[in-house]
Amino acid sequence: MDRIAVLIPCYNEEKTIEKVIHDARAALPEAVIYVYNNNSTDRTEELAKKAGAVVRREYKQGKGNVIRRMFREVEAECYLMIDGDDTYPLEAAGEMAALVLEKHADMVVGDRLSSTYYEENKRPFHNFGNSLMKNAINFLFHSDIQDIMTGYRAFSYGFVKTFPVISQGFEIETEMTIHAVNYNLQVENVVVDYRDRPEGSESKLNTFSDGFRVLFKLFQLFKNYRPFLFFGVLGVLLAAVGLVMFIPILAEYFRTGLVPRFPTLIVSCFLVLAAVQSFFSGMILSESCSVERRNFEYKYMEADRNVKK
């Protein structure tokens, strides 16, 4: 098992990959550097091998798929994940690794948003999306994560071996973050510098299509991890609409003794029944989540024993 593994997912990063590897080696001389090539059509793999990295391949396209492969195959006490586009200076790498190895952090987030991100990044919709996701997740999950979408993170062995990677693309960072806060794992924020991509290097993140996928992933994970709140709110909305439709009918009945709008009455009753069903669904799924959290603790303890052997 490696002491520290640097994980670099790559797709067409020939302009920057050598520098990223050299910087990682300078920042963490004891680390083993892994580059996972995700069907690059340029010289990324060739240059990574030349720079001395361990190069492997993931043939299924998508960042989430690459991270799933890395987490399955690499065994290390501490993992440092960084993008291959040279947007993250590695001066903070040692501090991030130390938080995992010495202070037992489960995930360390490289926080770009508190430093140079808004000045360096030239894509305003990306800036808006990062702020939106940070505020939404911290509000919904009562957390204090300063950068949700950063690709610069450090992980413990326990986190990596118990994290079920479901996402296939760039929504993977959102999934990691919500997984950590949902299971009450120790998360630390380290402020890191950010620099925009060098000229000629293009982002693989599509502002709108990937942005919508990230938002859908947030909605999906909120439903899965906070079912009582999700279905409770849905139930309140359904009940409110049902009652708004029912009250005029009830008032008309008290005034005239007649019910002139049977279709509206039927719809309002169905809405109230759906609200009750939603409420109890949330209760049942919430109990299932409690069982899953207990099972997760057993899995995490088993992973912790494995790394100490």
Foldseek 3Di string as FASTA:
>chain_A
DAAEEEEEEDAAQVVFQLVVLVQVCVQPVRYAYEYEYAPHPDCNQVSNVVSPHHYHYDPQDAPLSSLLVVLVPDDHQKYWYAYRQPFFRCNCVVVQSCCCVPVVAAKEDAAAPVDCCVVADPDVLVVVLQVVLQVVCCVLLVDNDRTQQHRTMMGGNLLSVLQDRDDGYSLSSNSSVLVCSLLVGGYHYDYTHTHDGPPPDDDPDDSPPVSVVNVVVVVVVSCQSQVLVVLLVVLVVLLVVLVVLVVVQVVVCVVPVDRPDVVSNVSSVVSNVSSVVSNVVSVVSNVVNVVVSVVSVVSSVVSVVVVVD
